[in-house]
Amino acid sequence: MDRRFFLLGAPLALAACATTAQEPTAVMSYVPPERTIDPAYSILYAALDGEPFPVPAIDLTRIVDPKFLRREVDFATGEPPGTVVVDPNERFAWYVLGNGRAMRYGVGVGKVEAFNFQGEATIAWKAKWPKWTPTADMIARDPQRYGPLRNGLPGGPGNPLGPRALYLHRDGRDTLYRLHGTVEPWTIGTKVSSGCIRLLNQDIIDLYDRVRDGSKAMVLPVRSEALA
């Protein structure tokens, strides 16, 4: 992946990070009858200690397709180490390590093309257990659901941003798009959010620890067929 991609800006007023999914069985992208769990993944996705709120283990017998689990992979790119590259079409995010390698994470993306941020941004800052506030557009679309939350929801187990968030800015302005955790791990690998990029909680914590404030993020254009 390189600069051959033509990057466009999405309407910022549509940005937000709430989910549209309700039940795991309705949106799960991969449900094997039985699976032998790699012990290494059981460790990667175990419950985390030392957090102010619980970060439960991921049930790997009910998670999305195993290809969306975290792993280091070959990754040819002209982007410098420390860049985060997101491909909504493939439902992956890469943290560029350099020397042709990257850490790859499965992601959930916006449910419709107009909700997906595209282009280059800066990870202006990061937050642990961030507060979440619905946008005015979200409240207007669904006042019954989002109206009571207009003053924001504090960080915690029920917050849709999960335990970490990375805030994307462009030209010094908040785009309202984030990379963040999720309270719905079964949605990874699907088109589900109102525009933000969601990762498994253990993965967003790993990415948070790697990324530095001011790092570059690149979100590739969405192919319409990829959101079908």
Foldseek 3Di string as FASTA:
>chain_A
DEPVFDWDFFDLLLEFWDWDDDDLVVAQADQDPDDDDDVVVQVLQDWDPDDPATQHGDPVNRAHDPVQAKDKDFADYPDDQQEWEAEQLQQKIWHDHDPRMTIIHGKAFALAQNQAGAFKWFQQDKDFLAKGADGPVVCVVPVVVRVVQNVIDGGYLPHQQAGMWGFTHDPPHTSNEIEGEGNRRSRGPANITSHHIYGHNSVVVVSVVRHDRGHMYGYGHDDRVSSD
